[in-house]
């Protein structure tokens, strides 16, 4: 074997691999995974492994209850599923941003989707809450832009229907930004976050048929004003150097 090919194979073998679990039983189909960059950070890997173990235990418990109920009531049981795939939204020297789409089926007419996010402080070896990092004033200031972007998406999906926000209707009212799953994102791969991805599962802003909503808010200078100094270089606004 030529030396160049051997070196290439050795280099490929040395690359960290994504972590993935794929299990299937008559009770539960369980899939869970995260990228190699997260797996290479021991405390983050431990956090994700713990979340995976808890998710498997909960999903197994729900499936067992549903199977027992199905047998007692003479209805067919369909295996449940739980599928969580973590992805990297942005990575820099200080922070690593990850989000997960979680697809589940626990019986009934259809499955569902949910989201989670982790903003990992590399130096501290722990997660930090995105909303707390920006501060309450910044989150409140971003809320009108979030609502406007969400309403535009809802109006597009409801083409042909009159759209007007009604405070007591969760499918037209704007959900509180502070309570949503948020993942800072680095779209151009320069190691700095330029946008905030707000991830809303079905039913959070519209009926199930509309699916989930993923709103991207590009940062403005005021959004970053309260970020602690050690984190500020991890963020940017358009045109900033």
Protein backbone atom coordinates (compact mmCIF):
# COMPACT_ATOMS: atom_id res chain seq x y z
CA UNK A 1 0.00 0.00 0.00
CA UNK A 2 1.46 3.40 -0.95
CA UNK A 3 2.65 5.44 2.02
CA UNK A 4 0.38 8.40 1.15
CA UNK A 5 -2.73 6.18 1.22
CA UNK A 6 -1.64 4.58 4.49
CA UNK A 7 -1.10 7.99 6.09
CA UNK A 8 -4.51 9.15 4.87
CA UNK A 9 -6.19 6.07 6.33
CA UNK A 10 -4.41 6.53 9.65
CA UNK A 11 -5.39 10.20 9.76
CA UNK A 12 -9.03 9.33 9.04
CA UNK A 13 -9.00 6.67 11.74
CA UNK A 14 -7.62 9.18 14.22
CA UNK A 15 -10.45 11.65 13.64
CA UNK A 16 -13.02 11.80 16.45
CA UNK A 17 -16.29 10.15 15.54
CA UNK A 18 -19.85 11.23 16.10
CA UNK A 19 -21.61 9.39 18.91
CA UNK A 20 -24.76 7.48 17.99
CA UNK A 21 -27.05 4.92 19.63
CA UNK A 22 -29.64 3.09 17.55
CA UNK A 23 -31.71 0.48 19.38
CA UNK A 24 -34.95 -1.20 18.37
CA UNK A 25 -37.16 -3.52 20.42
CA UNK A 26 -40.85 -4.42 20.14
CA UNK A 27 -41.36 -1.86 22.92
CA UNK A 28 -39.26 1.12 21.83
CA UNK A 29 -37.16 2.41 18.95
CA UNK A 30 -34.51 4.60 20.55
CA UNK A 31 -31.99 6.76 18.73
CA UNK A 32 -29.72 9.36 20.28
CA UNK A 33 -26.63 11.08 18.95
CA UNK A 34 -24.28 14.05 19.18
CA UNK A 35 -21.38 15.34 17.07
CA UNK A 36 -17.73 14.45 17.56
CA UNK A 37 -16.87 17.98 18.67
CA UNK A 38 -19.18 17.58 21.66
CA UNK A 39 -18.02 14.04 22.37
CA UNK A 40 -14.44 15.28 22.63
CA UNK A 41 -15.33 17.46 25.66
CA UNK A 42 -15.49 15.10 28.63
CA UNK A 43 -17.91 17.04 30.89
CA UNK A 44 -20.20 17.83 27.96
CA UNK A 45 -20.12 14.20 26.88
CA UNK A 46 -21.07 13.21 30.44
CA UNK A 47 -23.97 15.68 30.43
CA UNK A 48 -25.27 14.37 27.12
CA UNK A 49 -24.84 10.76 28.22
CA UNK A 50 -26.84 11.49 31.37
CA UNK A 51 -29.59 13.15 29.33
CA UNK A 52 -29.64 10.14 27.03
CA UNK A 53 -29.98 7.70 29.92
CA UNK A 54 -32.84 9.69 31.43
CA UNK A 55 -34.58 9.96 28.07
CA UNK A 56 -34.30 6.21 27.49
CA UNK A 57 -35.67 5.44 30.96
CA UNK A 58 -38.64 7.81 30.53
CA UNK A 59 -39.45 6.59 27.04
CA UNK A 60 -39.25 2.97 28.14
CA UNK A 61 -41.52 3.66 31.08
CA UNK A 62 -44.13 5.39 28.91
CA UNK A 63 -44.03 2.53 26.41
CA UNK A 64 -44.53 -0.09 29.10
CA UNK A 65 -47.52 1.79 30.51
CA UNK A 66 -49.04 2.14 27.04
CA UNK A 67 -48.48 -1.55 26.24
CA UNK A 68 -50.20 -2.59 29.47
CA UNK A 69 -53.10 -0.23 28.79
CA UNK A 70 -53.41 -1.58 25.24
CA UNK A 71 -53.58 -5.16 26.48
CA UNK A 72 -56.15 -4.32 29.14
CA UNK A 73 -58.38 -2.48 26.67
CA UNK A 74 -58.06 -4.84 23.74
CA UNK A 75 -56.36 -2.41 21.35
CA UNK A 76 -53.20 -2.95 19.33
CA UNK A 77 -49.94 -1.61 20.69
CA UNK A 78 -47.57 0.23 18.38
CA UNK A 79 -43.94 0.53 19.42
CA UNK A 80 -42.97 3.96 20.70
CA UNK A 81 -40.00 5.89 19.38
CA UNK A 82 -37.57 8.49 20.69
CA UNK A 83 -35.10 10.12 18.32
CA UNK A 84 -32.80 12.93 19.49
CA UNK A 85 -30.12 14.33 17.22
CA UNK A 86 -27.81 17.05 18.51
CA UNK A 87 -26.12 19.41 16.05
CA UNK A 88 -23.64 22.26 16.28
CA UNK A 89 -25.09 25.71 15.59
CA UNK A 90 -21.81 27.49 16.16
CA UNK A 91 -18.38 26.92 17.63
CA UNK A 92 -15.66 29.27 18.82
CA UNK A 93 -12.79 29.38 21.31
CA UNK A 94 -15.07 30.41 24.18
CA UNK A 95 -18.51 28.93 23.48
CA UNK A 96 -19.98 25.92 21.72
CA UNK A 97 -23.66 26.15 20.75
CA UNK A 98 -25.68 22.99 20.20
CA UNK A 99 -29.35 22.29 19.58
CA UNK A 100 -31.34 19.10 19.33
CA UNK A 101 -34.50 18.17 17.49
CA UNK A 102 -36.32 15.47 19.42
CA UNK A 103 -38.92 13.36 17.62
CA UNK A 104 -41.16 11.15 19.74
CA UNK A 105 -44.13 8.85 19.43
CA UNK A 106 -45.98 7.77 22.57
CA UNK A 107 -49.10 6.30 21.02
CA UNK A 108 -52.02 8.17 19.53
CA UNK A 109 -52.57 9.66 16.11
CA UNK A 110 -49.10 11.07 15.43
CA UNK A 111 -45.69 11.74 16.91
CA UNK A 112 -44.39 15.08 18.05
CA UNK A 113 -41.28 17.26 17.90
CA UNK A 114 -39.50 19.18 20.63
CA UNK A 115 -36.23 21.08 20.95
CA UNK A 116 -33.40 21.49 23.43
CA UNK A 117 -30.27 23.63 23.36
CA UNK A 118 -26.96 23.86 25.19
CA UNK A 119 -24.57 26.80 25.18
CA UNK A 120 -21.31 25.36 26.51
CA UNK A 121 -18.63 27.45 28.22
CA UNK A 122 -15.40 25.70 27.25
CA UNK A 123 -13.24 27.23 30.00
CA UNK A 124 -15.76 26.80 32.82
CA UNK A 125 -16.77 23.32 31.67
CA UNK A 126 -20.48 23.97 32.05
CA UNK A 127 -23.53 25.19 30.20
CA UNK A 128 -24.72 28.80 30.37
CA UNK A 129 -28.30 29.93 29.77
CA UNK A 130 -28.53 31.99 26.60
CA UNK A 131 -31.35 34.17 27.95
CA UNK A 132 -29.36 34.95 31.10
CA UNK A 133 -26.27 35.74 29.04
CA UNK A 134 -28.11 38.42 27.04
CA UNK A 135 -29.98 39.74 30.07
CA UNK A 136 -33.63 40.50 30.60
CA UNK A 137 -33.55 43.94 28.99
CA UNK A 138 -32.05 42.62 25.77
CA UNK A 139 -34.52 39.73 25.60
CA UNK A 140 -37.42 42.16 26.08
CA UNK A 141 -35.99 44.43 23.37
CA UNK A 142 -35.66 41.52 20.94
CA UNK A 143 -39.22 40.33 21.59
CA UNK A 144 -40.97 42.66 19.08
CA UNK A 145 -38.61 41.52 16.30
CA UNK A 146 -39.21 37.92 17.26
CA UNK A 147 -42.98 38.40 17.20
CA UNK A 148 -42.86 40.21 13.84
CA UNK A 149 -40.76 37.46 12.28
CA UNK A 150 -42.96 34.73 13.74
CA UNK A 151 -46.15 36.44 12.55
CA UNK A 152 -44.72 36.76 9.04
CA UNK A 153 -43.99 33.02 9.00
CA UNK A 154 -47.44 32.18 10.34
CA UNK A 155 -49.12 34.42 7.77
CA UNK A 156 -47.17 32.72 4.97
CA UNK A 157 -48.16 29.25 6.16
CA UNK A 158 -51.78 30.35 6.47
CA UNK A 159 -51.97 31.88 3.01
CA UNK A 160 -55.51 32.72 2.09
CA UNK A 161 -56.63 33.03 5.70
CA UNK A 162 -57.03 36.23 7.64
CA UNK A 163 -54.34 36.48 10.31
CA UNK A 164 -54.84 38.67 13.35
CA UNK A 165 -53.25 38.25 16.75
CA UNK A 166 -55.68 37.45 19.55
CA UNK A 167 -54.22 37.47 23.08
CA UNK A 168 -56.25 34.47 24.25
CA UNK A 169 -55.45 32.34 21.18
CA UNK A 170 -52.05 30.60 21.43
CA UNK A 171 -52.02 30.06 17.67
CA UNK A 172 -52.12 33.81 16.97
CA UNK A 173 -50.68 35.36 20.13
CA UNK A 174 -46.91 35.70 20.34
CA UNK A 175 -45.33 33.38 22.92
CA UNK A 176 -42.91 34.96 25.38
CA UNK A 177 -39.42 34.98 23.91
CA UNK A 178 -37.80 34.39 27.30
CA UNK A 179 -39.49 31.02 27.62
CA UNK A 180 -38.35 29.57 24.28
CA UNK A 181 -35.44 27.32 23.35
CA UNK A 182 -32.63 29.56 22.07
CA UNK A 183 -29.43 28.64 20.26
CA UNK A 184 -26.88 31.28 19.22
CA UNK A 185 -25.77 30.52 15.66
CA UNK A 186 -22.68 31.12 13.52
CA UNK A 187 -23.91 30.90 9.96
CA UNK A 188 -20.70 31.93 8.19
CA UNK A 189 -18.40 29.72 10.25
CA UNK A 190 -16.10 32.52 11.41
CA UNK A 191 -16.26 31.45 15.06
CA UNK A 192 -18.62 34.26 16.15
CA UNK A 193 -22.39 34.10 16.65
CA UNK A 194 -24.32 36.57 14.52
CA UNK A 195 -27.88 35.35 15.11
CA UNK A 196 -30.16 33.81 17.67
CA UNK A 197 -32.20 30.81 16.58
CA UNK A 198 -35.49 30.52 18.46
CA UNK A 199 -36.94 27.02 18.19
CA UNK A 200 -40.65 26.46 18.73
CA UNK A 201 -42.21 22.97 18.56
CA UNK A 202 -45.63 22.25 17.06
CA UNK A 203 -48.51 23.70 19.10
CA UNK A 204 -46.27 26.45 20.56
CA UNK A 205 -47.27 28.95 17.87
CA UNK A 206 -49.67 27.10 15.61
CA UNK A 207 -51.57 23.84 15.08
CA UNK A 208 -49.67 20.60 14.57
CA UNK A 209 -50.27 20.69 10.82
CA UNK A 210 -48.12 23.83 10.55
CA UNK A 211 -45.13 22.04 12.04
CA UNK A 212 -42.43 23.68 14.09
CA UNK A 213 -41.23 27.27 13.78
CA UNK A 214 -37.56 28.24 13.66
CA UNK A 215 -37.06 31.99 13.89
CA UNK A 216 -33.64 33.52 13.22
CA UNK A 217 -32.92 36.91 14.78
CA UNK A 218 -29.79 38.67 13.56
CA UNK A 219 -28.07 40.52 16.35
CA UNK A 220 -28.16 44.28 16.66
CA UNK A 221 -25.69 46.24 18.86
CA UNK A 222 -28.18 46.66 21.73
CA UNK A 223 -28.76 42.91 21.87
CA UNK A 224 -25.17 42.36 22.94
CA UNK A 225 -24.73 45.30 25.28
CA UNK A 226 -25.18 43.36 28.53
CA UNK A 227 -23.15 40.27 27.59
CA UNK A 228 -20.28 39.82 30.09
CA UNK A 229 -16.92 40.93 28.72
CA UNK A 230 -15.35 37.50 28.51
CA UNK A 231 -18.18 36.31 26.25
CA UNK A 232 -18.53 39.41 24.08
CA UNK A 233 -15.85 38.39 21.49
CA UNK A 234 -17.93 35.29 20.73
CA UNK A 235 -20.71 37.47 19.26
CA UNK A 236 -20.94 39.94 16.38
CA UNK A 237 -23.36 42.17 14.52
CA UNK A 238 -23.42 42.78 10.79
CA UNK A 239 -20.35 44.68 9.63
CA UNK A 240 -18.51 44.27 12.92
CA UNK A 241 -14.81 43.36 12.82
